[in-house]
């Protein structure tokens, strides 16, 4: 069995609809992808009260904005131009509002770091996603952590229950037995 050509089935663009127009955002180049990943990782560390340098994040490298295409003034606008590529100019020409452009950039960053399913959830939630949910989308907990989070009894406690429908009493460590 031979591998099929990746370009036959892999769409590495993000397609976002705004007011009936679909804006196509191409995947980032290597430099931008790594930079966005480092930036988001550092931001999540800070959000969780962790020093980003202690969480394994080295200094975030400077992202270069070279060329005439990045002439929109602020660093924020330059970042959005770099993230969104041709879609940025098209949104500007279509008079898409600045808050919507910012949201598209936010979703694009999430797409770069966590993939399309996480970006789609954030998009469809209107950006109302909890930062903890974003952190979990980027670094999902392993099976043991999920079990601990859904455990019904606190750590260290034990209980005994009978079969369903039985009248056997429930005994817990807080109930003392007479010796």
N, C-alpha and C. Protein backbone atom coordinates (compact mmCIF):
# COMPACT_ATOMS: atom_id res chain seq x y z
N UNK A 1 0.85 -1.19 0.00
CA UNK A 1 0.00 0.00 0.00
C UNK A 1 0.89 1.24 0.00
N UNK A 2 0.64 2.15 -0.89
CA UNK A 2 1.42 3.38 -1.00
C UNK A 2 0.65 4.55 -0.38
N UNK A 3 1.38 5.51 0.09
CA UNK A 3 0.75 6.70 0.65
C UNK A 3 0.15 7.54 -0.47
N UNK A 4 -1.06 8.02 -0.26
CA UNK A 4 -1.68 8.94 -1.21
C UNK A 4 -1.02 10.31 -1.05
N UNK A 5 -1.04 11.08 -2.09
CA UNK A 5 -0.49 12.43 -2.04
C UNK A 5 -1.30 13.25 -1.05
N UNK A 6 -0.63 13.84 -0.09
CA UNK A 6 -1.28 14.60 0.97
C UNK A 6 -2.16 15.72 0.43
N UNK A 7 -1.74 16.34 -0.65
CA UNK A 7 -2.52 17.46 -1.20
C UNK A 7 -3.86 17.02 -1.78
N UNK A 8 -4.04 15.71 -1.96
CA UNK A 8 -5.31 15.21 -2.49
C UNK A 8 -6.43 15.22 -1.45
N UNK A 9 -6.07 15.20 -0.17
CA UNK A 9 -7.10 15.10 0.87
C UNK A 9 -6.89 16.03 2.07
N UNK A 10 -5.76 16.69 2.16
CA UNK A 10 -5.45 17.52 3.31
C UNK A 10 -5.64 18.99 2.95
N UNK A 11 -6.59 19.64 3.59
CA UNK A 11 -6.85 21.06 3.36
C UNK A 11 -6.16 21.83 4.47
N UNK A 12 -5.08 22.49 4.15
CA UNK A 12 -4.35 23.22 5.19
C UNK A 12 -4.70 24.70 5.21
N UNK A 13 -5.95 24.99 4.94
CA UNK A 13 -6.45 26.36 5.04
C UNK A 13 -7.66 26.37 5.97
N UNK A 14 -7.91 27.51 6.53
CA UNK A 14 -9.07 27.71 7.40
C UNK A 14 -10.07 28.57 6.62
N UNK A 15 -11.32 28.16 6.61
CA UNK A 15 -12.35 28.85 5.83
C UNK A 15 -13.40 29.39 6.80
N UNK A 16 -13.43 30.71 6.96
CA UNK A 16 -14.31 31.34 7.95
C UNK A 16 -15.35 32.23 7.28
N UNK A 17 -16.63 31.94 7.53
CA UNK A 17 -17.70 32.75 6.93
C UNK A 17 -18.05 33.97 7.78
N UNK A 18 -18.15 35.12 7.13
CA UNK A 18 -18.58 36.35 7.80
C UNK A 18 -19.56 37.05 6.87
N UNK A 19 -20.79 37.21 7.33
CA UNK A 19 -21.83 37.91 6.57
C UNK A 19 -21.95 37.39 5.13
N UNK A 20 -21.93 36.08 4.99
CA UNK A 20 -22.12 35.46 3.68
C UNK A 20 -20.87 35.36 2.82
N UNK A 21 -19.76 35.87 3.28
CA UNK A 21 -18.50 35.79 2.54
C UNK A 21 -17.58 34.83 3.28
N UNK A 22 -16.96 33.91 2.57
CA UNK A 22 -16.02 32.98 3.18
C UNK A 22 -14.60 33.50 2.94
N UNK A 23 -13.88 33.70 4.04
CA UNK A 23 -12.50 34.17 3.97
C UNK A 23 -11.59 32.96 4.19
N UNK A 24 -10.67 32.77 3.27
CA UNK A 24 -9.74 31.64 3.31
C UNK A 24 -8.42 32.10 3.90
N UNK A 25 -8.03 31.45 4.99
CA UNK A 25 -6.78 31.78 5.66
C UNK A 25 -5.83 30.61 5.44
N UNK A 26 -4.73 30.90 4.78
CA UNK A 26 -3.75 29.85 4.49
C UNK A 26 -2.98 29.49 5.75
N UNK A 27 -2.48 28.27 5.77
CA UNK A 27 -1.69 27.84 6.92
C UNK A 27 -0.43 28.71 7.04
N UNK A 28 0.06 28.86 8.26
CA UNK A 28 1.22 29.73 8.45
C UNK A 28 2.51 29.07 7.96
N UNK A 29 3.51 29.91 7.74
CA UNK A 29 4.83 29.36 7.46
C UNK A 29 5.42 28.85 8.77
N UNK A 30 6.54 28.19 8.66
CA UNK A 30 7.18 27.57 9.82
C UNK A 30 7.45 28.57 10.94
N UNK A 31 8.04 29.69 10.59
CA UNK A 31 8.40 30.71 11.59
C UNK A 31 7.17 31.19 12.35
N UNK A 32 6.12 31.54 11.62
CA UNK A 32 4.91 32.05 12.25
C UNK A 32 4.23 30.98 13.10
N UNK A 33 4.18 29.75 12.61
CA UNK A 33 3.57 28.66 13.37
C UNK A 33 4.25 28.44 14.71
N UNK A 34 5.58 28.41 14.70
CA UNK A 34 6.31 28.22 15.96
C UNK A 34 6.16 29.42 16.88
N UNK A 35 6.16 30.62 16.30
CA UNK A 35 6.02 31.82 17.11
C UNK A 35 4.66 31.87 17.80
N UNK A 36 3.59 31.57 17.06
CA UNK A 36 2.24 31.59 17.63
C UNK A 36 2.14 30.53 18.73
N UNK A 37 2.70 29.36 18.50
CA UNK A 37 2.67 28.30 19.50
C UNK A 37 3.37 28.75 20.78
N UNK A 38 4.54 29.37 20.66
CA UNK A 38 5.28 29.85 21.84
C UNK A 38 4.50 30.96 22.54
N UNK A 39 3.91 31.87 21.78
CA UNK A 39 3.15 32.97 22.36
C UNK A 39 1.93 32.46 23.14
N UNK A 40 1.17 31.56 22.54
CA UNK A 40 -0.03 31.03 23.20
C UNK A 40 0.36 30.22 24.43
N UNK A 41 1.41 29.43 24.33
CA UNK A 41 1.86 28.65 25.48
C UNK A 41 2.27 29.55 26.64
N UNK A 42 3.00 30.61 26.35
CA UNK A 42 3.40 31.56 27.39
C UNK A 42 2.18 32.25 27.99
N UNK A 43 1.23 32.63 27.14
CA UNK A 43 0.01 33.28 27.63
C UNK A 43 -0.80 32.38 28.55
N UNK A 44 -0.90 31.11 28.19
CA UNK A 44 -1.63 30.16 29.05
C UNK A 44 -0.92 29.96 30.37
N UNK A 45 0.40 29.94 30.34
CA UNK A 45 1.16 29.81 31.59
C UNK A 45 0.88 31.00 32.50
N UNK A 46 0.91 32.19 31.93
CA UNK A 46 0.64 33.40 32.71
C UNK A 46 -0.78 33.37 33.26
N UNK A 47 -1.75 32.96 32.44
CA UNK A 47 -3.16 32.87 32.85
C UNK A 47 -3.32 31.93 34.05
N UNK A 48 -2.49 30.90 34.11
CA UNK A 48 -2.56 29.91 35.20
C UNK A 48 -1.67 30.29 36.37
N UNK A 49 -1.05 31.48 36.30
CA UNK A 49 -0.21 31.94 37.39
C UNK A 49 1.16 31.30 37.42
N UNK A 50 1.62 30.79 36.30
CA UNK A 50 2.91 30.12 36.20
C UNK A 50 3.86 31.00 35.42
N UNK A 51 5.07 31.14 35.92
CA UNK A 51 6.09 31.89 35.19
C UNK A 51 6.38 31.13 33.90
N UNK A 52 6.16 31.76 32.74
CA UNK A 52 6.35 31.05 31.47
C UNK A 52 7.74 30.45 31.29
N UNK A 53 8.76 31.09 31.87
CA UNK A 53 10.11 30.56 31.71
C UNK A 53 10.29 29.29 32.53
N UNK A 54 9.54 29.15 33.62
CA UNK A 54 9.60 27.94 34.43
C UNK A 54 8.76 26.82 33.84
N UNK A 55 7.82 27.16 32.98
CA UNK A 55 6.95 26.17 32.36
C UNK A 55 7.55 25.63 31.07
N UNK A 56 8.83 25.89 30.85
CA UNK A 56 9.48 25.36 29.66
C UNK A 56 9.47 26.31 28.48
N UNK A 57 8.90 27.49 28.64
CA UNK A 57 8.87 28.46 27.55
C UNK A 57 10.12 29.33 27.64
N UNK A 58 10.93 29.26 26.65
CA UNK A 58 12.09 30.14 26.58
C UNK A 58 11.60 31.51 26.13
N UNK A 59 12.50 32.41 25.95
CA UNK A 59 12.10 33.72 25.43
C UNK A 59 11.39 33.54 24.10
N UNK A 60 10.31 34.28 23.91
CA UNK A 60 9.57 34.21 22.66
C UNK A 60 10.37 34.99 21.62
N UNK A 61 10.72 34.34 20.52
CA UNK A 61 11.52 35.04 19.51
C UNK A 61 10.75 36.19 18.88
N UNK A 62 11.49 37.17 18.39
CA UNK A 62 10.88 38.29 17.68
C UNK A 62 10.33 37.80 16.35
N UNK A 63 9.13 38.20 16.04
CA UNK A 63 8.55 37.88 14.75
C UNK A 63 8.86 39.03 13.81
N UNK A 64 9.39 38.72 12.65
CA UNK A 64 9.79 39.77 11.72
C UNK A 64 8.60 40.20 10.86
N UNK A 65 8.52 41.49 10.67
CA UNK A 65 7.52 42.09 9.78
C UNK A 65 8.27 42.86 8.72
N UNK A 66 8.79 42.14 7.75
CA UNK A 66 9.58 42.77 6.70
C UNK A 66 8.76 42.86 5.43
N UNK A 67 8.95 43.92 4.72
CA UNK A 67 8.29 44.07 3.43
C UNK A 67 7.20 45.12 3.48
N UNK A 68 6.83 45.58 2.31
CA UNK A 68 5.84 46.64 2.19
C UNK A 68 4.43 46.20 2.55
N UNK A 69 4.17 44.88 2.56
CA UNK A 69 2.80 44.45 2.85
C UNK A 69 2.40 44.67 4.30
N UNK A 70 3.39 44.89 5.19
CA UNK A 70 3.09 45.12 6.60
C UNK A 70 3.24 46.60 6.94
N UNK A 71 2.40 47.42 6.36
CA UNK A 71 2.54 48.86 6.52
C UNK A 71 1.33 49.49 7.20
N UNK A 72 0.60 48.70 7.95
CA UNK A 72 -0.66 49.17 8.50
C UNK A 72 -0.51 49.88 9.85
N UNK A 73 0.70 50.18 10.24
CA UNK A 73 0.86 50.96 11.45
C UNK A 73 1.22 50.14 12.67
N UNK A 74 0.24 49.79 13.48
CA UNK A 74 0.48 49.17 14.77
C UNK A 74 1.03 47.75 14.63
N UNK A 75 1.73 47.30 15.67
CA UNK A 75 2.23 45.93 15.69
C UNK A 75 1.08 44.93 15.66
N UNK A 76 -0.02 45.29 16.31
CA UNK A 76 -1.19 44.41 16.31
C UNK A 76 -1.73 44.22 14.89
N UNK A 77 -1.86 45.29 14.15
CA UNK A 77 -2.33 45.19 12.77
C UNK A 77 -1.34 44.41 11.91
N UNK A 78 -0.05 44.62 12.15
CA UNK A 78 0.96 43.88 11.39
C UNK A 78 0.85 42.38 11.69
N UNK A 79 0.62 42.04 12.96
CA UNK A 79 0.45 40.64 13.32
C UNK A 79 -0.76 40.05 12.60
N UNK A 80 -1.86 40.77 12.59
CA UNK A 80 -3.06 40.27 11.93
C UNK A 80 -2.84 40.11 10.43
N UNK A 81 -2.12 41.04 9.83
CA UNK A 81 -1.79 40.91 8.41
C UNK A 81 -0.97 39.65 8.17
N UNK A 82 -0.03 39.40 9.04
CA UNK A 82 0.83 38.21 8.88
C UNK A 82 0.03 36.94 9.12
N UNK A 83 -0.82 36.93 10.13
CA UNK A 83 -1.64 35.75 10.44
C UNK A 83 -2.65 35.43 9.34
N UNK A 84 -3.31 36.46 8.87
CA UNK A 84 -4.46 36.26 7.99
C UNK A 84 -4.12 36.34 6.50
N UNK A 85 -2.95 36.84 6.19
CA UNK A 85 -2.54 36.90 4.79
C UNK A 85 -3.50 37.71 3.93
N UNK A 86 -3.82 37.18 2.76
CA UNK A 86 -4.70 37.89 1.81
C UNK A 86 -6.10 38.13 2.38
N UNK A 87 -6.53 37.29 3.31
CA UNK A 87 -7.86 37.45 3.90
C UNK A 87 -7.96 38.77 4.66
N UNK A 88 -6.84 39.24 5.23
CA UNK A 88 -6.85 40.51 5.97
C UNK A 88 -7.22 41.66 5.03
N UNK A 89 -6.55 41.73 3.88
CA UNK A 89 -6.84 42.80 2.92
C UNK A 89 -8.27 42.69 2.40
N UNK A 90 -8.72 41.48 2.18
CA UNK A 90 -10.08 41.28 1.68
C UNK A 90 -11.11 41.71 2.74
N UNK A 91 -10.86 41.39 4.01
CA UNK A 91 -11.78 41.82 5.08
C UNK A 91 -11.80 43.34 5.19
N UNK A 92 -10.64 43.97 5.06
CA UNK A 92 -10.58 45.44 5.11
C UNK A 92 -11.37 46.03 3.95
N UNK A 93 -11.19 45.47 2.76
CA UNK A 93 -11.90 45.97 1.57
C UNK A 93 -13.42 45.77 1.70
N UNK A 94 -13.82 44.71 2.41
CA UNK A 94 -15.24 44.42 2.61
C UNK A 94 -15.82 45.14 3.83
N UNK A 95 -15.02 46.01 4.44
CA UNK A 95 -15.44 46.78 5.63
C UNK A 95 -15.85 45.89 6.80
N UNK A 96 -15.14 44.79 7.00
CA UNK A 96 -15.37 43.96 8.18
C UNK A 96 -14.87 44.77 9.37
N UNK A 97 -15.63 44.79 10.44
CA UNK A 97 -15.27 45.60 11.61
C UNK A 97 -14.00 45.09 12.27
N UNK A 98 -13.33 46.02 12.95
CA UNK A 98 -12.08 45.68 13.64
C UNK A 98 -12.29 44.58 14.68
N UNK A 99 -13.36 44.62 15.51
CA UNK A 99 -13.56 43.52 16.46
C UNK A 99 -13.70 42.15 15.78
N UNK A 100 -14.32 42.12 14.62
CA UNK A 100 -14.45 40.84 13.90
C UNK A 100 -13.09 40.40 13.35
N UNK A 101 -12.29 41.33 12.86
CA UNK A 101 -10.95 40.97 12.38
C UNK A 101 -10.12 40.44 13.54
N UNK A 102 -10.22 41.09 14.69
CA UNK A 102 -9.49 40.61 15.87
C UNK A 102 -9.94 39.20 16.25
N UNK A 103 -11.24 38.94 16.18
CA UNK A 103 -11.75 37.62 16.52
C UNK A 103 -11.27 36.58 15.51
N UNK A 104 -11.25 36.93 14.24
CA UNK A 104 -10.74 36.01 13.21
C UNK A 104 -9.27 35.69 13.51
N UNK A 105 -8.49 36.69 13.90
CA UNK A 105 -7.08 36.46 14.23
C UNK A 105 -6.96 35.54 15.45
N UNK A 106 -7.80 35.75 16.45
CA UNK A 106 -7.81 34.91 17.65
C UNK A 106 -8.11 33.46 17.29
N UNK A 107 -9.13 33.25 16.48
CA UNK A 107 -9.51 31.90 16.05
C UNK A 107 -8.39 31.29 15.22
N UNK A 108 -7.74 32.10 14.40
CA UNK A 108 -6.64 31.61 13.58
C UNK A 108 -5.48 31.15 14.46
N UNK A 109 -5.18 31.91 15.49
CA UNK A 109 -4.11 31.51 16.41
C UNK A 109 -4.46 30.18 17.09
N UNK A 110 -5.69 30.04 17.51
CA UNK A 110 -6.12 28.79 18.13
C UNK A 110 -6.02 27.63 17.14
N UNK A 111 -6.39 27.88 15.89
CA UNK A 111 -6.29 26.86 14.84
C UNK A 111 -4.84 26.42 14.65
N UNK A 112 -3.93 27.38 14.65
CA UNK A 112 -2.51 27.06 14.47
C UNK A 112 -2.02 26.18 15.60
N UNK A 113 -2.43 26.48 16.82
CA UNK A 113 -1.91 25.79 17.99
C UNK A 113 -2.65 24.49 18.30
N UNK A 114 -3.98 24.51 18.22
CA UNK A 114 -4.77 23.37 18.70
C UNK A 114 -5.53 22.62 17.61
N UNK A 115 -5.55 23.14 16.40
CA UNK A 115 -6.23 22.45 15.32
C UNK A 115 -7.62 22.98 15.04
N UNK A 116 -8.17 22.46 13.96
CA UNK A 116 -9.46 22.95 13.48
C UNK A 116 -10.63 22.68 14.44
N UNK A 117 -10.73 21.50 15.07
CA UNK A 117 -11.87 21.29 15.98
C UNK A 117 -11.92 22.31 17.13
N UNK A 118 -10.78 22.62 17.72
CA UNK A 118 -10.75 23.60 18.81
C UNK A 118 -11.10 24.99 18.29
N UNK A 119 -10.58 25.35 17.12
CA UNK A 119 -10.89 26.66 16.54
C UNK A 119 -12.37 26.76 16.20
N UNK A 120 -12.94 25.69 15.69
CA UNK A 120 -14.36 25.69 15.35
C UNK A 120 -15.24 25.84 16.59
N UNK A 121 -14.90 25.17 17.68
CA UNK A 121 -15.67 25.32 18.93
C UNK A 121 -15.61 26.76 19.42
N UNK A 122 -14.43 27.35 19.37
CA UNK A 122 -14.25 28.74 19.81
C UNK A 122 -15.03 29.69 18.91
N UNK A 123 -14.98 29.47 17.61
CA UNK A 123 -15.71 30.30 16.64
C UNK A 123 -17.20 30.23 16.92
N UNK A 124 -17.73 29.02 17.04
CA UNK A 124 -19.16 28.83 17.23
C UNK A 124 -19.65 29.30 18.60
N UNK A 125 -18.73 29.41 19.57
CA UNK A 125 -19.08 29.95 20.88
C UNK A 125 -18.96 31.47 20.90
N UNK A 126 -18.58 32.05 19.80
CA UNK A 126 -18.43 33.50 19.73
C UNK A 126 -17.30 34.02 20.58
N UNK A 127 -16.32 33.15 20.82
CA UNK A 127 -15.17 33.56 21.62
C UNK A 127 -15.41 33.49 23.11
N UNK A 128 -16.57 32.97 23.50
CA UNK A 128 -16.91 32.93 24.92
C UNK A 128 -16.28 31.74 25.64
N UNK A 129 -15.36 31.07 25.00
CA UNK A 129 -14.75 29.89 25.60
C UNK A 129 -13.93 30.27 26.83
N UNK A 130 -13.98 29.41 27.80
CA UNK A 130 -13.23 29.55 29.03
C UNK A 130 -11.73 29.34 28.74
N UNK A 131 -10.84 30.17 29.31
CA UNK A 131 -9.41 29.96 29.07
C UNK A 131 -8.95 28.55 29.47
N UNK A 132 -9.58 27.96 30.49
CA UNK A 132 -9.22 26.60 30.87
C UNK A 132 -9.58 25.62 29.77
N UNK A 133 -10.70 25.86 29.09
CA UNK A 133 -11.10 24.98 27.99
C UNK A 133 -10.11 25.10 26.83
N UNK A 134 -9.62 26.32 26.59
CA UNK A 134 -8.62 26.51 25.53
C UNK A 134 -7.34 25.78 25.92
N UNK A 135 -6.94 25.91 27.19
CA UNK A 135 -5.73 25.23 27.64
C UNK A 135 -5.87 23.72 27.48
N UNK A 136 -7.05 23.19 27.79
CA UNK A 136 -7.27 21.75 27.64
C UNK A 136 -7.29 21.34 26.18
N UNK A 137 -7.76 22.20 25.31
CA UNK A 137 -7.75 21.88 23.88
C UNK A 137 -6.32 21.81 23.36
N UNK A 138 -5.47 22.66 23.91
CA UNK A 138 -4.07 22.70 23.47
C UNK A 138 -3.27 21.57 24.11
N UNK A 139 -3.48 21.36 25.40
CA UNK A 139 -2.79 20.30 26.14
C UNK A 139 -3.83 19.44 26.85
N UNK A 140 -4.47 18.52 26.14
CA UNK A 140 -5.53 17.73 26.78
C UNK A 140 -4.97 16.90 27.93
N UNK A 141 -5.75 16.77 29.01
CA UNK A 141 -5.28 15.97 30.14
C UNK A 141 -5.21 14.50 29.74
N UNK A 142 -4.29 13.78 30.35
CA UNK A 142 -4.20 12.36 30.06
C UNK A 142 -5.32 11.61 30.76
N UNK A 143 -5.43 10.34 30.52
CA UNK A 143 -6.53 9.54 31.06
C UNK A 143 -6.59 9.58 32.59
N UNK A 144 -5.43 9.48 33.25
CA UNK A 144 -5.41 9.50 34.71
C UNK A 144 -5.94 10.82 35.25
N UNK A 145 -5.57 11.93 34.61
CA UNK A 145 -6.04 13.25 35.05
C UNK A 145 -7.55 13.36 34.85
N UNK A 146 -8.07 12.84 33.75
CA UNK A 146 -9.52 12.88 33.52
C UNK A 146 -10.25 12.05 34.57
N UNK A 147 -9.69 10.91 34.93
CA UNK A 147 -10.32 10.08 35.97
C UNK A 147 -10.36 10.82 37.30
N UNK A 148 -9.24 11.46 37.66
CA UNK A 148 -9.20 12.21 38.92
C UNK A 148 -10.23 13.32 38.92
N UNK A 149 -10.38 13.99 37.78
CA UNK A 149 -11.31 15.12 37.70
C UNK A 149 -12.76 14.69 37.80
N UNK A 150 -13.07 13.46 37.42
CA UNK A 150 -14.46 13.01 37.44
C UNK A 150 -14.75 12.05 38.58
N UNK A 151 -13.77 11.84 39.46
CA UNK A 151 -14.00 10.92 40.59
C UNK A 151 -15.14 11.43 41.45
N UNK A 152 -16.02 10.53 41.86
CA UNK A 152 -17.18 10.94 42.64
C UNK A 152 -16.91 11.01 44.12
N UNK A 153 -15.86 10.37 44.58
CA UNK A 153 -15.53 10.44 46.00
C UNK A 153 -14.21 11.15 46.17
N UNK A 154 -14.08 11.96 47.22
CA UNK A 154 -12.82 12.67 47.44
C UNK A 154 -11.68 11.69 47.68
N UNK A 155 -10.47 12.09 47.35
CA UNK A 155 -9.31 11.25 47.54
C UNK A 155 -9.18 10.90 49.02
N UNK A 156 -8.93 9.63 49.27
CA UNK A 156 -8.73 9.18 50.64
C UNK A 156 -9.98 8.67 51.30
N UNK A 157 -11.14 8.84 50.74
CA UNK A 157 -12.35 8.34 51.37
C UNK A 157 -12.71 7.01 50.74
N UNK A 158 -13.46 6.25 51.49
CA UNK A 158 -13.91 4.96 50.98
C UNK A 158 -15.35 4.77 51.42
N UNK A 159 -16.07 4.03 50.65
CA UNK A 159 -17.45 3.73 51.02
C UNK A 159 -17.77 2.33 50.55
N UNK A 160 -18.74 1.76 51.18
CA UNK A 160 -19.19 0.43 50.81
C UNK A 160 -20.65 0.53 50.48
N UNK A 161 -21.03 0.03 49.37
CA UNK A 161 -22.43 0.03 49.00
C UNK A 161 -22.82 -1.38 48.61
N UNK A 162 -24.05 -1.66 48.78
CA UNK A 162 -24.56 -2.98 48.40
C UNK A 162 -24.94 -2.99 46.94
N UNK A 163 -25.47 -4.11 46.52
CA UNK A 163 -25.95 -4.20 45.15
C UNK A 163 -27.14 -3.30 44.96
N UNK A 164 -27.41 -2.89 43.72
CA UNK A 164 -28.58 -2.04 43.48
C UNK A 164 -29.84 -2.71 44.02
N UNK A 165 -30.64 -1.94 44.73
CA UNK A 165 -31.89 -2.46 45.28
C UNK A 165 -31.73 -3.09 46.65
N UNK A 166 -30.50 -3.27 47.13
CA UNK A 166 -30.34 -3.90 48.44
C UNK A 166 -30.53 -2.86 49.53
N UNK A 167 -30.70 -3.32 50.73
CA UNK A 167 -30.89 -2.42 51.88
C UNK A 167 -29.65 -2.35 52.74
N UNK A 168 -28.53 -2.86 52.24
CA UNK A 168 -27.28 -2.84 52.98
C UNK A 168 -26.89 -1.39 53.25
N UNK A 169 -26.51 -1.11 54.46
CA UNK A 169 -26.15 0.25 54.86
C UNK A 169 -24.83 0.66 54.22
N UNK A 170 -24.70 1.95 54.03
CA UNK A 170 -23.47 2.49 53.49
C UNK A 170 -22.58 2.85 54.66
N UNK A 171 -21.33 2.41 54.60
CA UNK A 171 -20.37 2.68 55.66
C UNK A 171 -19.26 3.54 55.08
N UNK A 172 -18.88 4.59 55.79
CA UNK A 172 -17.80 5.45 55.33
C UNK A 172 -16.75 5.53 56.43
N UNK A 173 -15.55 6.00 56.14
CA UNK A 173 -14.50 6.09 57.16
C UNK A 173 -14.87 6.98 58.33
N UNK A 174 -15.81 7.91 58.15
CA UNK A 174 -16.18 8.79 59.25
C UNK A 174 -17.08 8.09 60.26
N UNK A 175 -17.62 6.94 59.90
CA UNK A 175 -18.46 6.18 60.83
C UNK A 175 -17.57 5.23 61.60
N UNK A 176 -17.56 5.38 62.90
CA UNK A 176 -16.70 4.51 63.69
C UNK A 176 -17.44 3.26 64.09
N UNK A 177 -16.72 2.16 64.21
CA UNK A 177 -17.30 0.89 64.65
C UNK A 177 -16.90 0.68 66.10
N UNK A 178 -17.78 0.12 66.86
CA UNK A 178 -17.44 -0.20 68.24
C UNK A 178 -16.67 -1.52 68.24
N UNK A 179 -15.61 -1.57 69.02
CA UNK A 179 -14.78 -2.77 69.07
C UNK A 179 -15.23 -3.71 70.15
